[in-house]
Amino acid sequence: MVDHFKSHTPGLSSPILDGLALLPSDSATLPHLTRALYVGADGDLTVRLQSGVVLSFGAVQAGVIYPLRVDMVLASGTTATGLVGLW
């Protein structure tokens, strides 16, 4: 298979390299710091950003990729489902 991006340095604007379905947790950190989060179903989203700041986003929309660098998706305050961490 041809990889047209193999010589590109990964960055925030380059194609996504990998991902993982996320289960929100108030105690577990993610295995990787995300480059973005995909939301599968509408709801609210509470995350801990790379800086350590916890933010809540009301009414995130399904089918959207949000450019958020997070190390946690908290269960408290998160009602959105079908979450995928991308890096």
N, C-alpha and C. Protein backbone atom coordinates (compact mmCIF):
# COMPACT_ATOMS: atom_id res chain seq x y z
N MET A 1 0.84 -1.16 0.00
CA MET A 1 0.00 0.00 0.00
C MET A 1 0.90 1.24 0.00
N VAL A 2 0.54 2.23 -0.78
CA VAL A 2 1.29 3.47 -0.87
C VAL A 2 0.86 4.40 0.25
N ASP A 3 1.84 4.96 0.95
CA ASP A 3 1.58 5.94 2.01
C ASP A 3 2.13 7.28 1.55
N HIS A 4 1.26 8.14 1.06
CA HIS A 4 1.68 9.43 0.54
C HIS A 4 2.14 10.39 1.63
N PHE A 5 1.92 10.05 2.89
CA PHE A 5 2.26 10.94 3.99
C PHE A 5 3.44 10.44 4.82
N LYS A 6 4.10 9.36 4.41
CA LYS A 6 5.15 8.79 5.23
C LYS A 6 6.33 9.72 5.44
N SER A 7 6.55 10.66 4.55
CA SER A 7 7.67 11.58 4.70
C SER A 7 7.27 12.87 5.43
N HIS A 8 6.00 12.99 5.82
CA HIS A 8 5.52 14.18 6.52
C HIS A 8 5.74 14.01 8.03
N THR A 9 6.12 15.09 8.67
CA THR A 9 6.24 15.09 10.12
C THR A 9 4.85 15.22 10.72
N PRO A 10 4.46 14.32 11.64
CA PRO A 10 3.14 14.43 12.25
C PRO A 10 2.98 15.77 12.98
N GLY A 11 1.85 16.38 12.82
CA GLY A 11 1.55 17.64 13.47
C GLY A 11 0.05 17.76 13.68
N LEU A 12 -0.36 18.86 14.29
CA LEU A 12 -1.78 19.04 14.58
C LEU A 12 -2.63 19.19 13.33
N SER A 13 -2.02 19.58 12.21
CA SER A 13 -2.80 19.74 10.98
C SER A 13 -2.60 18.58 10.01
N SER A 14 -1.80 17.60 10.38
CA SER A 14 -1.58 16.44 9.50
C SER A 14 -2.67 15.39 9.75
N PRO A 15 -2.79 14.41 8.85
CA PRO A 15 -3.83 13.39 9.01
C PRO A 15 -3.70 12.63 10.33
N ILE A 16 -4.83 12.19 10.85
CA ILE A 16 -4.88 11.41 12.08
C ILE A 16 -4.15 10.08 11.85
N LEU A 17 -3.34 9.67 12.82
CA LEU A 17 -2.57 8.44 12.70
C LEU A 17 -3.22 7.24 13.37
N ASP A 18 -3.98 7.49 14.45
CA ASP A 18 -4.52 6.38 15.22
C ASP A 18 -5.68 6.89 16.06
N GLY A 19 -6.40 5.99 16.68
CA GLY A 19 -7.52 6.38 17.52
C GLY A 19 -7.95 5.25 18.43
N LEU A 20 -8.83 5.60 19.36
CA LEU A 20 -9.30 4.64 20.34
C LEU A 20 -10.67 5.06 20.84
N ALA A 21 -11.60 4.11 20.90
CA ALA A 21 -12.91 4.40 21.49
C ALA A 21 -12.70 4.73 22.96
N LEU A 22 -13.38 5.77 23.44
CA LEU A 22 -13.18 6.25 24.81
C LEU A 22 -14.39 5.98 25.69
N LEU A 23 -14.11 5.53 26.90
CA LEU A 23 -15.12 5.40 27.93
C LEU A 23 -14.80 6.46 28.99
N PRO A 24 -15.69 7.42 29.21
CA PRO A 24 -15.43 8.46 30.21
C PRO A 24 -15.18 7.86 31.59
N SER A 25 -14.24 8.48 32.31
CA SER A 25 -13.89 8.03 33.65
C SER A 25 -13.44 9.24 34.47
N ASP A 26 -13.81 9.26 35.74
CA ASP A 26 -13.38 10.34 36.62
C ASP A 26 -12.02 10.07 37.25
N SER A 27 -11.40 8.91 36.95
CA SER A 27 -10.12 8.59 37.56
C SER A 27 -9.04 8.15 36.57
N ALA A 28 -9.41 7.58 35.45
CA ALA A 28 -8.42 7.04 34.52
C ALA A 28 -8.01 8.06 33.46
N THR A 29 -6.71 8.20 33.28
CA THR A 29 -6.21 9.04 32.20
C THR A 29 -6.17 8.22 30.91
N LEU A 30 -6.16 8.91 29.79
CA LEU A 30 -6.12 8.24 28.49
C LEU A 30 -4.71 7.72 28.22
N PRO A 31 -4.58 6.67 27.39
CA PRO A 31 -3.25 6.13 27.10
C PRO A 31 -2.39 7.09 26.26
N HIS A 32 -3.04 8.03 25.58
CA HIS A 32 -2.33 9.02 24.77
C HIS A 32 -3.03 10.36 24.93
N LEU A 33 -2.27 11.43 24.88
CA LEU A 33 -2.84 12.76 24.80
C LEU A 33 -3.46 12.89 23.41
N THR A 34 -4.70 13.33 23.34
CA THR A 34 -5.38 13.38 22.04
C THR A 34 -4.95 14.60 21.23
N ARG A 35 -5.16 14.50 19.92
CA ARG A 35 -5.06 15.65 19.01
C ARG A 35 -6.46 16.19 18.76
N ALA A 36 -7.45 15.31 18.92
CA ALA A 36 -8.83 15.68 18.67
C ALA A 36 -9.75 14.61 19.26
N LEU A 37 -11.03 14.97 19.41
CA LEU A 37 -12.06 14.04 19.86
C LEU A 37 -13.19 14.02 18.84
N TYR A 38 -13.62 12.82 18.48
CA TYR A 38 -14.80 12.64 17.64
C TYR A 38 -15.98 12.33 18.53
N VAL A 39 -17.11 12.97 18.28
CA VAL A 39 -18.33 12.75 19.05
C VAL A 39 -19.33 12.01 18.17
N GLY A 40 -19.79 10.85 18.63
CA GLY A 40 -20.72 10.04 17.87
C GLY A 40 -22.18 10.38 18.09
N ALA A 41 -22.53 10.86 19.29
CA ALA A 41 -23.92 11.20 19.61
C ALA A 41 -23.95 12.46 20.48
N ASP A 42 -24.90 13.34 20.18
CA ASP A 42 -25.03 14.62 20.89
C ASP A 42 -25.04 14.45 22.41
N GLY A 43 -24.58 15.48 23.09
CA GLY A 43 -24.62 15.51 24.55
C GLY A 43 -23.65 16.55 25.08
N ASP A 44 -23.38 16.47 26.36
CA ASP A 44 -22.41 17.35 27.00
C ASP A 44 -21.09 16.62 27.13
N LEU A 45 -20.00 17.38 27.21
CA LEU A 45 -18.66 16.80 27.26
C LEU A 45 -17.83 17.54 28.31
N THR A 46 -17.23 16.79 29.24
CA THR A 46 -16.33 17.37 30.22
C THR A 46 -14.98 16.69 30.08
N VAL A 47 -13.95 17.51 29.90
CA VAL A 47 -12.60 16.98 29.65
C VAL A 47 -11.57 17.70 30.51
N ARG A 48 -10.42 17.06 30.67
CA ARG A 48 -9.27 17.72 31.27
C ARG A 48 -8.28 17.96 30.14
N LEU A 49 -7.97 19.23 29.90
CA LEU A 49 -7.06 19.61 28.83
C LEU A 49 -5.62 19.28 29.20
N GLN A 50 -4.74 19.33 28.22
CA GLN A 50 -3.32 19.08 28.42
C GLN A 50 -2.76 19.96 29.54
N SER A 51 -3.27 21.17 29.68
CA SER A 51 -2.81 22.11 30.70
C SER A 51 -3.24 21.73 32.12
N GLY A 52 -4.20 20.80 32.24
CA GLY A 52 -4.74 20.41 33.53
C GLY A 52 -6.07 21.08 33.85
N VAL A 53 -6.49 22.02 33.02
CA VAL A 53 -7.76 22.72 33.21
C VAL A 53 -8.91 21.79 32.81
N VAL A 54 -9.94 21.74 33.66
CA VAL A 54 -11.14 20.95 33.35
C VAL A 54 -12.17 21.90 32.75
N LEU A 55 -12.69 21.53 31.58
CA LEU A 55 -13.70 22.34 30.90
C LEU A 55 -14.90 21.48 30.56
N SER A 56 -16.07 22.10 30.61
CA SER A 56 -17.31 21.44 30.19
C SER A 56 -17.84 22.14 28.95
N PHE A 57 -18.22 21.34 27.97
CA PHE A 57 -18.80 21.84 26.73
C PHE A 57 -20.23 21.34 26.65
N GLY A 58 -21.18 22.25 26.65
CA GLY A 58 -22.58 21.87 26.56
C GLY A 58 -23.00 21.67 25.12
N ALA A 59 -23.81 20.67 24.89
CA ALA A 59 -24.44 20.42 23.59
C ALA A 59 -23.44 20.25 22.44
N VAL A 60 -22.42 19.38 22.64
CA VAL A 60 -21.56 19.05 21.51
C VAL A 60 -22.37 18.23 20.52
N GLN A 61 -22.03 18.34 19.25
CA GLN A 61 -22.84 17.72 18.20
C GLN A 61 -22.21 16.44 17.66
N ALA A 62 -23.08 15.51 17.32
CA ALA A 62 -22.65 14.25 16.73
C ALA A 62 -22.02 14.47 15.36
N GLY A 63 -21.02 13.67 15.07
CA GLY A 63 -20.38 13.72 13.76
C GLY A 63 -19.33 14.79 13.62
N VAL A 64 -18.97 15.44 14.72
CA VAL A 64 -17.99 16.53 14.68
C VAL A 64 -16.68 16.08 15.32
N ILE A 65 -15.57 16.50 14.73
CA ILE A 65 -14.25 16.29 15.31
C ILE A 65 -13.84 17.60 15.97
N TYR A 66 -13.66 17.55 17.28
CA TYR A 66 -13.28 18.73 18.07
C TYR A 66 -11.77 18.71 18.32
N PRO A 67 -11.05 19.77 17.96
CA PRO A 67 -9.59 19.80 18.13
C PRO A 67 -9.20 20.08 19.57
N LEU A 68 -9.30 19.07 20.40
CA LEU A 68 -9.03 19.21 21.84
C LEU A 68 -7.88 18.30 22.25
N ARG A 69 -6.89 18.87 22.90
CA ARG A 69 -5.76 18.11 23.44
C ARG A 69 -6.11 17.76 24.88
N VAL A 70 -6.57 16.54 25.10
CA VAL A 70 -7.03 16.14 26.43
C VAL A 70 -6.32 14.87 26.89
N ASP A 71 -6.24 14.73 28.23
CA ASP A 71 -5.71 13.49 28.80
C ASP A 71 -6.77 12.73 29.59
N MET A 72 -7.96 13.35 29.74
CA MET A 72 -9.09 12.69 30.41
C MET A 72 -10.40 13.16 29.80
N VAL A 73 -11.33 12.21 29.67
CA VAL A 73 -12.73 12.53 29.41
C VAL A 73 -13.46 12.09 30.67
N LEU A 74 -14.00 13.05 31.39
CA LEU A 74 -14.61 12.75 32.68
C LEU A 74 -16.04 12.20 32.53
N ALA A 75 -16.38 11.23 33.37
CA ALA A 75 -17.73 10.68 33.37
C ALA A 75 -18.71 11.70 33.94
N SER A 76 -18.28 12.42 34.97
CA SER A 76 -19.12 13.46 35.57
C SER A 76 -19.27 14.60 34.57
N GLY A 77 -20.48 14.85 34.14
CA GLY A 77 -20.73 15.93 33.21
C GLY A 77 -20.70 15.55 31.75
N THR A 78 -20.36 14.30 31.45
CA THR A 78 -20.33 13.85 30.05
C THR A 78 -21.54 12.98 29.76
N THR A 79 -22.36 13.44 28.82
CA THR A 79 -23.52 12.65 28.37
C THR A 79 -23.39 12.28 26.90
N ALA A 80 -22.47 12.92 26.18
CA ALA A 80 -22.21 12.56 24.79
C ALA A 80 -21.65 11.14 24.75
N THR A 81 -21.98 10.40 23.70
CA THR A 81 -21.50 9.02 23.57
C THR A 81 -20.84 8.83 22.20
N GLY A 82 -20.30 7.64 22.02
CA GLY A 82 -19.61 7.35 20.77
C GLY A 82 -18.34 8.17 20.63
N LEU A 83 -17.65 8.39 21.74
CA LEU A 83 -16.46 9.23 21.74
C LEU A 83 -15.24 8.43 21.27
N VAL A 84 -14.44 9.08 20.42
CA VAL A 84 -13.21 8.48 19.92
C VAL A 84 -12.09 9.47 20.09
N GLY A 85 -11.00 9.05 20.74
CA GLY A 85 -9.81 9.87 20.86
C GLY A 85 -8.95 9.65 19.63
N LEU A 86 -8.47 10.74 19.05
CA LEU A 86 -7.66 10.67 17.82
C LEU A 86 -6.29 11.27 18.08
N TRP A 87 -5.26 10.64 17.51
CA TRP A 87 -3.91 11.17 17.61
C TRP A 87 -3.12 10.80 16.38
